[in-house]
């Protein structure tokens, strides 16, 4: 049984997609053991509590410095017993001590086809604003392992979404979530749960 800790900062739509996928057996042999947020007001915490998942707040604001926060986050993750950490709209840079403790065991969902529109400053609606400003015709989402760079870890899976005439950033964001993110992230988690993802020479290999 794969034990998953989900890190969130906001509404938790991707968290809900994971919860629903476990309920619907799209993801099997997996349980969410904890939801952790840096934001005490994140609606994602309510989503977790509603279905009986332990929901906790670990915020940099509650510690004297970032080093103390880093240690506290690592301790909380280790306490959960999680095998896999899933970043689902988590807007805090993952500390190096956490990355070192969970090599190729942290995944992130990013709302673009990496390497397009990724890296520092590209998150949330900003990604879709940039894509529309550039005039691209295809966007999408990427699930990747987390390393010490920003959106630079091995790509696990991607899913494309067509840009439509008249798209606004919000409309595009919603369609990318519905058509790509909410399908892609559960698919990756299920493959990891069944040992079908591994990394060779810095490249993620995904089995059918």
N, C-alpha and C. Protein backbone atom coordinates (compact mmCIF):
# COMPACT_ATOMS: atom_id res chain seq x y z
N UNK A 1 0.84 -1.20 0.00
CA UNK A 1 0.00 0.00 0.00
C UNK A 1 0.88 1.25 0.00
N UNK A 2 0.74 2.06 -1.04
CA UNK A 2 1.50 3.30 -1.13
C UNK A 2 0.88 4.34 -0.20
N UNK A 3 1.71 4.93 0.65
CA UNK A 3 1.24 5.97 1.56
C UNK A 3 1.66 7.33 1.02
N UNK A 4 0.68 8.20 0.82
CA UNK A 4 0.90 9.48 0.16
C UNK A 4 0.61 10.64 1.11
N UNK A 5 1.52 11.60 1.14
CA UNK A 5 1.27 12.88 1.80
C UNK A 5 1.12 13.93 0.71
N UNK A 6 0.05 14.71 0.79
CA UNK A 6 -0.22 15.74 -0.22
C UNK A 6 0.02 17.11 0.39
N UNK A 7 0.85 17.92 -0.28
CA UNK A 7 1.15 19.27 0.17
C UNK A 7 0.37 20.26 -0.69
N UNK A 8 -0.31 21.19 -0.02
CA UNK A 8 -1.24 22.10 -0.71
C UNK A 8 -1.10 23.52 -0.15
N UNK A 9 -1.55 24.48 -0.94
CA UNK A 9 -1.57 25.87 -0.46
C UNK A 9 -2.92 26.54 -0.62
N UNK A 10 -3.77 25.99 -1.50
CA UNK A 10 -5.02 26.69 -1.81
C UNK A 10 -6.25 25.82 -1.78
N UNK A 11 -7.01 25.87 -2.87
CA UNK A 11 -8.32 25.23 -2.91
C UNK A 11 -8.31 23.71 -2.90
N UNK A 12 -7.25 23.13 -3.43
CA UNK A 12 -7.13 21.68 -3.37
C UNK A 12 -7.90 20.91 -4.42
N UNK A 13 -8.05 21.47 -5.62
CA UNK A 13 -8.78 20.75 -6.66
C UNK A 13 -8.03 19.49 -7.09
N UNK A 14 -6.72 19.56 -7.16
CA UNK A 14 -5.95 18.35 -7.50
C UNK A 14 -6.00 17.33 -6.36
N UNK A 15 -6.02 17.81 -5.12
CA UNK A 15 -6.22 16.91 -3.99
C UNK A 15 -7.55 16.18 -4.13
N UNK A 16 -8.59 16.92 -4.48
CA UNK A 16 -9.91 16.30 -4.65
C UNK A 16 -9.89 15.26 -5.75
N UNK A 17 -9.15 15.57 -6.82
CA UNK A 17 -9.05 14.61 -7.93
C UNK A 17 -8.40 13.31 -7.45
N UNK A 18 -7.41 13.41 -6.58
CA UNK A 18 -6.76 12.21 -6.04
C UNK A 18 -7.73 11.45 -5.13
N UNK A 19 -8.41 12.17 -4.25
CA UNK A 19 -9.38 11.55 -3.35
C UNK A 19 -10.44 10.79 -4.16
N UNK A 20 -10.98 11.46 -5.19
CA UNK A 20 -12.02 10.84 -6.02
C UNK A 20 -11.48 9.62 -6.77
N UNK A 21 -10.25 9.74 -7.26
CA UNK A 21 -9.66 8.62 -8.02
C UNK A 21 -9.42 7.40 -7.14
N UNK A 22 -9.07 7.62 -5.88
CA UNK A 22 -8.94 6.49 -4.94
C UNK A 22 -10.31 5.88 -4.67
N UNK A 23 -11.31 6.73 -4.46
CA UNK A 23 -12.67 6.24 -4.21
C UNK A 23 -13.20 5.43 -5.39
N UNK A 24 -12.87 5.89 -6.60
CA UNK A 24 -13.38 5.26 -7.82
C UNK A 24 -12.49 4.15 -8.36
N UNK A 25 -11.44 3.79 -7.59
CA UNK A 25 -10.51 2.71 -7.95
C UNK A 25 -9.69 3.02 -9.20
N UNK A 26 -9.61 4.29 -9.57
CA UNK A 26 -8.69 4.69 -10.63
C UNK A 26 -7.26 4.58 -10.10
N UNK A 27 -7.10 4.94 -8.83
CA UNK A 27 -5.85 4.71 -8.10
C UNK A 27 -6.11 3.56 -7.14
N UNK A 28 -5.27 2.55 -7.18
CA UNK A 28 -5.45 1.41 -6.27
C UNK A 28 -4.20 1.22 -5.41
N UNK A 29 -4.35 0.45 -4.35
CA UNK A 29 -3.24 0.15 -3.42
C UNK A 29 -2.57 1.42 -2.91
N UNK A 30 -3.39 2.43 -2.64
CA UNK A 30 -2.86 3.74 -2.24
C UNK A 30 -3.77 4.36 -1.19
N UNK A 31 -3.17 5.03 -0.20
CA UNK A 31 -3.96 5.81 0.74
C UNK A 31 -3.27 7.15 1.00
N UNK A 32 -4.07 8.17 1.21
CA UNK A 32 -3.55 9.47 1.59
C UNK A 32 -3.44 9.48 3.11
N UNK A 33 -2.23 9.59 3.62
CA UNK A 33 -2.03 9.53 5.07
C UNK A 33 -2.03 10.91 5.72
N UNK A 34 -1.82 11.97 4.91
CA UNK A 34 -1.82 13.31 5.48
C UNK A 34 -1.94 14.35 4.37
N UNK A 35 -2.57 15.46 4.72
CA UNK A 35 -2.56 16.66 3.88
C UNK A 35 -1.92 17.76 4.71
N UNK A 36 -0.90 18.38 4.16
CA UNK A 36 -0.15 19.41 4.89
C UNK A 36 -0.19 20.70 4.07
N UNK A 37 -0.48 21.81 4.75
CA UNK A 37 -0.54 23.10 4.06
C UNK A 37 0.30 24.13 4.80
N UNK A 38 0.82 25.07 4.04
CA UNK A 38 1.49 26.23 4.62
C UNK A 38 0.49 27.33 4.95
N UNK A 39 -0.77 27.13 4.55
CA UNK A 39 -1.80 28.16 4.65
C UNK A 39 -2.96 27.63 5.49
N UNK A 40 -3.15 28.19 6.66
CA UNK A 40 -4.19 27.69 7.56
C UNK A 40 -5.59 27.89 7.00
N UNK A 41 -5.72 28.80 6.03
CA UNK A 41 -7.03 29.06 5.44
C UNK A 41 -7.27 28.31 4.13
N UNK A 42 -6.37 27.42 3.77
CA UNK A 42 -6.52 26.68 2.52
C UNK A 42 -7.77 25.79 2.56
N UNK A 43 -8.61 25.91 1.57
CA UNK A 43 -9.83 25.09 1.52
C UNK A 43 -9.49 23.61 1.38
N UNK A 44 -8.30 23.33 0.86
CA UNK A 44 -7.85 21.94 0.74
C UNK A 44 -7.89 21.23 2.08
N UNK A 45 -7.62 21.94 3.17
CA UNK A 45 -7.67 21.33 4.50
C UNK A 45 -9.07 20.85 4.84
N UNK A 46 -10.07 21.63 4.41
CA UNK A 46 -11.46 21.22 4.64
C UNK A 46 -11.81 19.99 3.80
N UNK A 47 -11.30 19.94 2.59
CA UNK A 47 -11.54 18.76 1.74
C UNK A 47 -11.00 17.50 2.43
N UNK A 48 -9.83 17.64 3.02
CA UNK A 48 -9.23 16.49 3.70
C UNK A 48 -10.05 16.08 4.92
N UNK A 49 -10.40 17.05 5.75
CA UNK A 49 -11.14 16.76 6.98
C UNK A 49 -12.49 16.11 6.68
N UNK A 50 -13.10 16.54 5.57
CA UNK A 50 -14.42 16.03 5.21
C UNK A 50 -14.41 14.52 5.00
N UNK A 51 -13.28 13.99 4.54
CA UNK A 51 -13.20 12.55 4.27
C UNK A 51 -12.31 11.83 5.28
N UNK A 52 -12.01 12.51 6.39
CA UNK A 52 -11.30 11.85 7.48
C UNK A 52 -9.80 11.72 7.31
N UNK A 53 -9.21 12.55 6.45
CA UNK A 53 -7.76 12.54 6.27
C UNK A 53 -7.13 13.55 7.23
N UNK A 54 -6.06 13.15 7.88
CA UNK A 54 -5.36 14.06 8.80
C UNK A 54 -4.89 15.29 8.03
N UNK A 55 -5.26 16.47 8.55
CA UNK A 55 -4.92 17.73 7.88
C UNK A 55 -4.14 18.61 8.85
N UNK A 56 -2.98 19.07 8.43
CA UNK A 56 -2.11 19.81 9.32
C UNK A 56 -1.57 21.07 8.64
N UNK A 57 -1.22 22.06 9.45
CA UNK A 57 -0.61 23.29 8.95
C UNK A 57 0.83 23.36 9.45
N UNK A 58 1.75 23.51 8.50
CA UNK A 58 3.15 23.76 8.83
C UNK A 58 3.55 24.98 8.01
N UNK A 59 3.59 26.14 8.64
CA UNK A 59 3.79 27.40 7.92
C UNK A 59 5.11 28.06 8.30
N UNK A 60 5.81 28.61 7.31
CA UNK A 60 7.04 29.35 7.62
C UNK A 60 6.79 30.50 8.58
N UNK A 61 5.56 31.02 8.58
CA UNK A 61 5.22 32.16 9.44
C UNK A 61 5.28 31.81 10.92
N UNK A 62 5.21 30.51 11.22
CA UNK A 62 5.18 30.08 12.61
C UNK A 62 6.56 29.74 13.18
N UNK A 63 7.61 30.02 12.41
CA UNK A 63 8.96 29.67 12.85
C UNK A 63 9.88 30.89 12.76
N UNK A 64 10.88 30.90 13.59
CA UNK A 64 11.78 32.05 13.69
C UNK A 64 12.54 32.29 12.40
N UNK A 65 12.89 31.20 11.71
CA UNK A 65 13.60 31.35 10.44
C UNK A 65 13.27 30.16 9.54
N UNK A 66 13.73 30.25 8.30
CA UNK A 66 13.38 29.21 7.34
C UNK A 66 14.01 27.87 7.69
N UNK A 67 15.17 27.89 8.32
CA UNK A 67 15.82 26.63 8.70
C UNK A 67 14.95 25.85 9.69
N UNK A 68 14.34 26.55 10.64
CA UNK A 68 13.47 25.88 11.60
C UNK A 68 12.23 25.32 10.90
N UNK A 69 11.68 26.08 9.98
CA UNK A 69 10.53 25.59 9.20
C UNK A 69 10.92 24.34 8.42
N UNK A 70 12.07 24.39 7.78
CA UNK A 70 12.52 23.24 6.98
C UNK A 70 12.59 21.97 7.83
N UNK A 71 13.16 22.11 9.01
CA UNK A 71 13.27 20.96 9.92
C UNK A 71 11.89 20.47 10.36
N UNK A 72 10.99 21.41 10.61
CA UNK A 72 9.65 21.05 11.07
C UNK A 72 8.87 20.33 9.97
N UNK A 73 9.02 20.81 8.74
CA UNK A 73 8.32 20.17 7.62
C UNK A 73 8.84 18.75 7.41
N UNK A 74 10.16 18.59 7.45
CA UNK A 74 10.74 17.25 7.30
C UNK A 74 10.25 16.32 8.42
N UNK A 75 10.25 16.82 9.64
CA UNK A 75 9.81 16.00 10.77
C UNK A 75 8.36 15.58 10.61
N UNK A 76 7.50 16.50 10.16
CA UNK A 76 6.09 16.18 9.97
C UNK A 76 5.91 15.14 8.88
N UNK A 77 6.64 15.27 7.78
CA UNK A 77 6.53 14.30 6.70
C UNK A 77 6.98 12.91 7.16
N UNK A 78 8.09 12.88 7.90
CA UNK A 78 8.59 11.60 8.40
C UNK A 78 7.60 10.98 9.39
N UNK A 79 6.94 11.81 10.15
CA UNK A 79 5.95 11.35 11.12
C UNK A 79 4.76 10.67 10.43
N UNK A 80 4.41 11.14 9.24
CA UNK A 80 3.26 10.57 8.53
C UNK A 80 3.54 9.17 8.00
N UNK A 81 4.84 8.84 7.82
CA UNK A 81 5.20 7.55 7.25
C UNK A 81 4.97 7.47 5.75
N UNK A 82 4.85 8.62 5.11
CA UNK A 82 4.56 8.65 3.67
C UNK A 82 5.71 8.08 2.84
N UNK A 83 5.33 7.33 1.79
CA UNK A 83 6.30 6.82 0.81
C UNK A 83 6.48 7.79 -0.35
N UNK A 84 5.42 8.57 -0.62
CA UNK A 84 5.42 9.49 -1.74
C UNK A 84 4.84 10.83 -1.29
N UNK A 85 5.50 11.91 -1.69
CA UNK A 85 5.00 13.25 -1.40
C UNK A 85 4.51 13.86 -2.71
N UNK A 86 3.27 14.34 -2.69
CA UNK A 86 2.66 14.92 -3.89
C UNK A 86 2.44 16.41 -3.65
N UNK A 87 3.02 17.23 -4.51
CA UNK A 87 2.81 18.67 -4.44
C UNK A 87 1.64 19.01 -5.34
N UNK A 88 0.55 19.46 -4.74
CA UNK A 88 -0.67 19.75 -5.50
C UNK A 88 -1.04 21.22 -5.28
N UNK A 89 -0.34 22.10 -6.01
CA UNK A 89 -0.56 23.52 -5.81
C UNK A 89 0.09 24.01 -4.53
N UNK A 90 1.31 23.55 -4.27
CA UNK A 90 2.05 23.94 -3.07
C UNK A 90 3.01 25.06 -3.44
N UNK A 91 2.84 26.22 -2.82
CA UNK A 91 3.57 27.42 -3.24
C UNK A 91 4.74 27.76 -2.34
N UNK A 92 5.35 26.75 -1.77
CA UNK A 92 6.56 26.93 -0.96
C UNK A 92 7.68 26.12 -1.60
N UNK A 93 8.86 26.70 -1.67
CA UNK A 93 10.01 25.97 -2.22
C UNK A 93 10.34 24.81 -1.29
N UNK A 94 10.47 23.62 -1.86
CA UNK A 94 10.75 22.44 -1.05
C UNK A 94 12.19 22.51 -0.54
N UNK A 95 12.37 22.41 0.77
CA UNK A 95 13.73 22.49 1.33
C UNK A 95 14.63 21.37 0.82
N UNK A 96 15.90 21.68 0.68
CA UNK A 96 16.85 20.67 0.21
C UNK A 96 16.92 19.48 1.15
N UNK A 97 16.73 19.70 2.45
CA UNK A 97 16.80 18.56 3.37
C UNK A 97 15.65 17.58 3.13
N UNK A 98 14.52 18.10 2.65
CA UNK A 98 13.40 17.23 2.32
C UNK A 98 13.67 16.48 1.02
N UNK A 99 14.22 17.17 0.05
CA UNK A 99 14.57 16.52 -1.23
C UNK A 99 15.61 15.43 -1.01
N UNK A 100 16.58 15.71 -0.16
CA UNK A 100 17.62 14.71 0.14
C UNK A 100 17.02 13.49 0.84
N UNK A 101 16.01 13.72 1.67
CA UNK A 101 15.40 12.62 2.43
C UNK A 101 14.45 11.78 1.57
N UNK A 102 13.94 12.36 0.48
CA UNK A 102 12.96 11.67 -0.38
C UNK A 102 13.39 11.73 -1.85
N UNK A 103 14.53 11.12 -2.19
CA UNK A 103 14.99 11.18 -3.59
C UNK A 103 14.04 10.44 -4.52
N UNK A 104 13.60 11.12 -5.57
CA UNK A 104 12.66 10.55 -6.53
C UNK A 104 11.40 10.00 -5.86
N UNK A 105 11.02 10.66 -4.79
CA UNK A 105 9.79 10.29 -4.07
C UNK A 105 8.90 11.52 -3.82
N UNK A 106 9.20 12.60 -4.54
CA UNK A 106 8.38 13.82 -4.49
C UNK A 106 7.97 14.14 -5.92
N UNK A 107 6.67 14.28 -6.16
CA UNK A 107 6.19 14.63 -7.49
C UNK A 107 5.41 15.93 -7.43
N UNK A 108 5.45 16.66 -8.53
CA UNK A 108 4.75 17.94 -8.65
C UNK A 108 3.93 17.96 -9.92
N UNK A 109 2.76 18.60 -9.86
CA UNK A 109 1.95 18.83 -11.06
C UNK A 109 2.13 20.28 -11.46
N UNK A 110 2.53 20.51 -12.72
CA UNK A 110 2.75 21.86 -13.22
C UNK A 110 1.84 22.10 -14.43
N UNK A 111 1.17 23.25 -14.50
CA UNK A 111 0.17 23.48 -15.55
C UNK A 111 0.74 23.96 -16.88
N UNK A 112 1.78 23.30 -17.35
CA UNK A 112 2.28 23.57 -18.71
C UNK A 112 3.03 22.32 -19.19
N UNK A 113 3.36 22.33 -20.46
CA UNK A 113 4.18 21.25 -21.01
C UNK A 113 5.64 21.65 -20.82
N UNK A 114 6.21 21.26 -19.69
CA UNK A 114 7.62 21.58 -19.41
C UNK A 114 8.48 21.07 -20.56
N UNK A 115 9.43 21.86 -21.08
CA UNK A 115 10.06 23.03 -20.48
C UNK A 115 9.41 24.38 -20.82
N UNK A 116 8.23 24.39 -21.40
CA UNK A 116 7.57 25.67 -21.69
C UNK A 116 6.92 26.24 -20.43
N UNK A 117 7.05 27.54 -20.23
CA UNK A 117 6.34 28.26 -19.19
C UNK A 117 6.49 27.61 -17.81
N UNK A 118 7.73 27.44 -17.43
CA UNK A 118 8.01 26.84 -16.12
C UNK A 118 9.20 27.56 -15.49
N UNK A 119 9.49 27.20 -14.25
CA UNK A 119 10.60 27.83 -13.55
C UNK A 119 10.11 28.94 -12.64
N UNK A 120 11.03 29.72 -12.13
CA UNK A 120 10.71 30.76 -11.16
C UNK A 120 9.68 31.75 -11.72
N UNK A 121 8.64 31.99 -10.95
CA UNK A 121 7.62 32.96 -11.33
C UNK A 121 6.46 32.40 -12.12
N UNK A 122 6.60 31.17 -12.60
CA UNK A 122 5.51 30.56 -13.38
C UNK A 122 4.70 29.63 -12.48
N UNK A 123 3.57 30.11 -12.03
CA UNK A 123 2.67 29.29 -11.23
C UNK A 123 1.24 29.83 -11.40
N UNK A 124 0.28 28.93 -11.17
CA UNK A 124 -1.12 29.35 -11.23
C UNK A 124 -1.49 30.02 -12.54
N UNK A 125 -2.25 31.09 -12.41
CA UNK A 125 -2.77 31.80 -13.58
C UNK A 125 -1.66 32.42 -14.43
N UNK A 126 -0.52 32.72 -13.81
CA UNK A 126 0.60 33.33 -14.55
C UNK A 126 1.05 32.45 -15.72
N UNK A 127 0.98 31.14 -15.53
CA UNK A 127 1.38 30.22 -16.60
C UNK A 127 0.48 30.39 -17.82
N UNK A 128 -0.81 30.48 -17.58
CA UNK A 128 -1.77 30.56 -18.68
C UNK A 128 -1.76 31.94 -19.33
N UNK A 129 -1.51 32.96 -18.54
CA UNK A 129 -1.36 34.30 -19.09
C UNK A 129 -0.18 34.35 -20.05
N UNK A 130 0.92 33.73 -19.64
CA UNK A 130 2.13 33.71 -20.48
C UNK A 130 1.91 32.91 -21.76
N UNK A 131 1.21 31.79 -21.64
CA UNK A 131 0.95 30.96 -22.82
C UNK A 131 0.11 31.69 -23.85
N UNK A 132 -0.94 32.38 -23.38
CA UNK A 132 -1.80 33.13 -24.30
C UNK A 132 -1.06 34.32 -24.90
N UNK A 133 -0.22 34.97 -24.09
CA UNK A 133 0.54 36.11 -24.61
C UNK A 133 1.52 35.68 -25.68
N UNK A 134 2.02 34.46 -25.58
CA UNK A 134 2.97 33.95 -26.58
C UNK A 134 2.25 33.43 -27.82
N UNK A 135 0.96 33.15 -27.69
CA UNK A 135 0.20 32.69 -28.84
C UNK A 135 0.35 31.22 -29.16
N UNK A 136 0.72 30.41 -28.17
CA UNK A 136 0.87 28.98 -28.44
C UNK A 136 -0.50 28.36 -28.71
N UNK A 137 -0.52 27.27 -29.44
CA UNK A 137 -1.77 26.61 -29.83
C UNK A 137 -2.05 25.37 -28.98
N UNK A 138 -1.03 24.87 -28.30
CA UNK A 138 -1.17 23.68 -27.44
C UNK A 138 -0.50 23.96 -26.11
N UNK A 139 -1.22 23.68 -25.04
CA UNK A 139 -0.66 23.80 -23.70
C UNK A 139 -0.84 22.43 -23.02
N UNK A 140 -0.92 22.39 -21.70
CA UNK A 140 -1.13 21.11 -21.06
C UNK A 140 -0.61 21.10 -19.64
N UNK A 141 -0.30 19.91 -19.16
CA UNK A 141 0.20 19.75 -17.79
C UNK A 141 1.30 18.70 -17.77
N UNK A 142 2.14 18.80 -16.76
CA UNK A 142 3.27 17.89 -16.59
C UNK A 142 3.34 17.43 -15.14
N UNK A 143 3.56 16.14 -14.94
CA UNK A 143 3.91 15.64 -13.62
C UNK A 143 5.38 15.24 -13.67
N UNK A 144 6.15 15.77 -12.73
CA UNK A 144 7.59 15.50 -12.73
C UNK A 144 8.08 15.26 -11.31
N UNK A 145 9.19 14.57 -11.21
CA UNK A 145 9.85 14.44 -9.93
C UNK A 145 10.47 15.79 -9.55
N UNK A 146 10.59 16.02 -8.26
CA UNK A 146 11.15 17.27 -7.76
C UNK A 146 12.62 17.08 -7.42
N UNK A 147 13.45 17.95 -7.98
CA UNK A 147 14.86 17.99 -7.61
C UNK A 147 15.16 19.37 -7.03
N UNK A 148 16.42 19.74 -6.97
CA UNK A 148 16.78 21.00 -6.31
C UNK A 148 16.64 22.22 -7.21
N UNK A 149 16.24 22.01 -8.46
CA UNK A 149 15.94 23.12 -9.34
C UNK A 149 14.45 23.45 -9.28
N UNK A 150 14.02 24.40 -10.10
CA UNK A 150 12.61 24.77 -10.17
C UNK A 150 12.00 24.18 -11.43
N UNK A 151 11.16 23.18 -11.27
CA UNK A 151 10.51 22.48 -12.40
C UNK A 151 11.54 21.80 -13.30
N UNK A 152 12.65 21.34 -12.73
CA UNK A 152 13.73 20.76 -13.54
C UNK A 152 13.88 19.25 -13.36
N UNK A 153 13.09 18.64 -12.46
CA UNK A 153 13.23 17.22 -12.21
C UNK A 153 12.72 16.36 -13.36
N UNK A 154 13.05 15.08 -13.37
CA UNK A 154 12.65 14.18 -14.45
C UNK A 154 11.15 14.21 -14.71
N UNK A 155 10.79 14.36 -15.99
CA UNK A 155 9.38 14.39 -16.39
C UNK A 155 8.83 12.97 -16.39
N UNK A 156 7.70 12.77 -15.73
CA UNK A 156 7.08 11.44 -15.66
C UNK A 156 6.03 11.28 -16.76
N UNK A 157 5.06 12.18 -16.79
CA UNK A 157 4.01 12.12 -17.81
C UNK A 157 3.55 13.53 -18.15
N UNK A 158 3.07 13.69 -19.39
CA UNK A 158 2.50 14.96 -19.82
C UNK A 158 1.20 14.71 -20.58
N UNK A 159 0.32 15.71 -20.57
CA UNK A 159 -0.92 15.61 -21.32
C UNK A 159 -1.20 16.96 -21.96
N UNK A 160 -1.49 16.96 -23.26
CA UNK A 160 -1.68 18.19 -24.01
C UNK A 160 -3.14 18.62 -24.03
N UNK A 161 -3.35 19.93 -24.14
CA UNK A 161 -4.67 20.54 -24.23
C UNK A 161 -4.60 21.64 -25.29
N UNK A 162 -5.56 21.65 -26.20
CA UNK A 162 -5.56 22.67 -27.26
C UNK A 162 -6.05 24.01 -26.73
N UNK A 163 -5.41 25.07 -27.20
CA UNK A 163 -5.87 26.42 -26.91
C UNK A 163 -6.99 26.76 -27.89
N UNK A 164 -8.06 27.35 -27.38
CA UNK A 164 -9.20 27.70 -28.23
C UNK A 164 -9.24 29.20 -28.49
N UNK A 165 -9.79 29.58 -29.62
CA UNK A 165 -9.95 31.00 -29.93
C UNK A 165 -10.80 31.67 -28.85
N UNK A 166 -10.34 32.81 -28.39
CA UNK A 166 -11.08 33.55 -27.38
C UNK A 166 -10.82 33.11 -25.95
N UNK A 167 -9.89 32.18 -25.77
CA UNK A 167 -9.56 31.74 -24.41
C UNK A 167 -9.09 32.91 -23.55
N UNK A 168 -9.57 32.94 -22.32
CA UNK A 168 -9.01 33.82 -21.30
C UNK A 168 -8.10 32.96 -20.43
N UNK A 169 -7.22 33.60 -19.66
CA UNK A 169 -6.38 32.80 -18.77
C UNK A 169 -7.19 31.89 -17.84
N UNK A 170 -8.29 32.40 -17.30
CA UNK A 170 -9.09 31.59 -16.38
C UNK A 170 -9.77 30.43 -17.09
N UNK A 171 -10.28 30.69 -18.30
CA UNK A 171 -10.93 29.61 -19.05
C UNK A 171 -9.92 28.53 -19.42
N UNK A 172 -8.73 28.96 -19.82
CA UNK A 172 -7.69 28.00 -20.18
C UNK A 172 -7.23 27.22 -18.95
N UNK A 173 -7.08 27.91 -17.85
CA UNK A 173 -6.69 27.25 -16.61
C UNK A 173 -7.69 26.15 -16.24
N UNK A 174 -8.98 26.46 -16.34
CA UNK A 174 -10.00 25.49 -15.97
C UNK A 174 -9.96 24.27 -16.89
N UNK A 175 -9.79 24.51 -18.19
CA UNK A 175 -9.77 23.40 -19.14
C UNK A 175 -8.52 22.54 -18.95
N UNK A 176 -7.39 23.15 -18.66
CA UNK A 176 -6.17 22.37 -18.40
C UNK A 176 -6.35 21.52 -17.15
N UNK A 177 -7.01 22.07 -16.14
CA UNK A 177 -7.26 21.27 -14.94
C UNK A 177 -8.16 20.08 -15.27
N UNK A 178 -9.26 20.35 -15.95
CA UNK A 178 -10.25 19.31 -16.22
C UNK A 178 -9.73 18.24 -17.17
N UNK A 179 -9.04 18.67 -18.24
CA UNK A 179 -8.64 17.73 -19.28
C UNK A 179 -7.27 17.10 -19.03
N UNK A 180 -6.44 17.76 -18.23
CA UNK A 180 -5.07 17.26 -18.05
C UNK A 180 -4.74 16.97 -16.59
N UNK A 181 -4.74 18.01 -15.75
CA UNK A 181 -4.24 17.84 -14.39
C UNK A 181 -4.98 16.77 -13.60
N UNK A 182 -6.31 16.83 -13.63
CA UNK A 182 -7.11 15.93 -12.78
C UNK A 182 -7.06 14.48 -13.27
N UNK A 183 -6.59 14.26 -14.48
CA UNK A 183 -6.42 12.90 -15.00
C UNK A 183 -4.97 12.43 -14.85
N UNK A 184 -4.06 13.35 -15.11
CA UNK A 184 -2.63 13.01 -15.14
C UNK A 184 -2.09 12.64 -13.77
N UNK A 185 -2.40 13.45 -12.78
CA UNK A 185 -1.84 13.21 -11.45
C UNK A 185 -2.30 11.87 -10.86
N UNK A 186 -3.59 11.53 -10.92
CA UNK A 186 -3.99 10.20 -10.45
C UNK A 186 -3.33 9.06 -11.23
N UNK A 187 -3.17 9.25 -12.54
CA UNK A 187 -2.54 8.20 -13.36
C UNK A 187 -1.11 7.95 -12.92
N UNK A 188 -0.38 9.02 -12.64
CA UNK A 188 1.01 8.88 -12.19
C UNK A 188 1.08 8.21 -10.83
N UNK A 189 0.23 8.63 -9.91
CA UNK A 189 0.24 8.04 -8.57
C UNK A 189 -0.04 6.55 -8.64
N UNK A 190 -1.00 6.15 -9.47
CA UNK A 190 -1.31 4.73 -9.60
C UNK A 190 -0.12 3.95 -10.16
N UNK A 191 0.56 4.51 -11.14
CA UNK A 191 1.73 3.82 -11.70
C UNK A 191 2.84 3.70 -10.66
N UNK A 192 3.05 4.75 -9.88
CA UNK A 192 4.07 4.68 -8.83
C UNK A 192 3.69 3.62 -7.79
N UNK A 193 2.40 3.55 -7.46
CA UNK A 193 1.93 2.58 -6.48
C UNK A 193 2.20 1.14 -6.92
N UNK A 194 2.27 0.94 -8.23
CA UNK A 194 2.47 -0.40 -8.77
C UNK A 194 3.88 -0.60 -9.34
N UNK A 195 4.80 0.28 -8.93
CA UNK A 195 6.20 0.10 -9.29
C UNK A 195 6.51 0.28 -10.76
N UNK A 196 5.71 1.09 -11.45
CA UNK A 196 5.87 1.25 -12.89
C UNK A 196 6.58 2.55 -13.29
N UNK A 197 7.19 3.21 -12.31
CA UNK A 197 7.96 4.43 -12.61
C UNK A 197 9.31 4.33 -11.91
N UNK A 198 10.37 4.52 -12.66
CA UNK A 198 11.69 4.59 -12.05
C UNK A 198 12.57 5.54 -12.86
N UNK A 199 13.67 5.93 -12.29
CA UNK A 199 14.55 6.90 -12.92
C UNK A 199 15.86 6.24 -13.31
N UNK A 200 16.24 6.41 -14.58
CA UNK A 200 17.51 5.91 -15.09
C UNK A 200 18.29 7.05 -15.72
N UNK A 201 19.47 7.33 -15.19
CA UNK A 201 20.33 8.39 -15.73
C UNK A 201 19.60 9.70 -15.87
N UNK A 202 18.81 10.03 -14.85
CA UNK A 202 18.12 11.32 -14.83
C UNK A 202 16.85 11.39 -15.67
N UNK A 203 16.45 10.27 -16.26
CA UNK A 203 15.23 10.22 -17.07
C UNK A 203 14.22 9.30 -16.41
N UNK A 204 12.98 9.75 -16.32
CA UNK A 204 11.93 8.92 -15.73
C UNK A 204 11.44 7.93 -16.78
N UNK A 205 11.43 6.66 -16.42
CA UNK A 205 10.95 5.58 -17.30
C UNK A 205 9.61 5.12 -16.76
N UNK A 206 8.59 5.15 -17.62
CA UNK A 206 7.24 4.78 -17.22
C UNK A 206 6.80 3.55 -18.00
N UNK A 207 6.44 2.49 -17.28
CA UNK A 207 5.98 1.26 -17.93
C UNK A 207 4.48 1.31 -18.17
N UNK A 208 4.03 0.57 -19.16
CA UNK A 208 2.59 0.48 -19.45
C UNK A 208 1.90 -0.35 -18.37
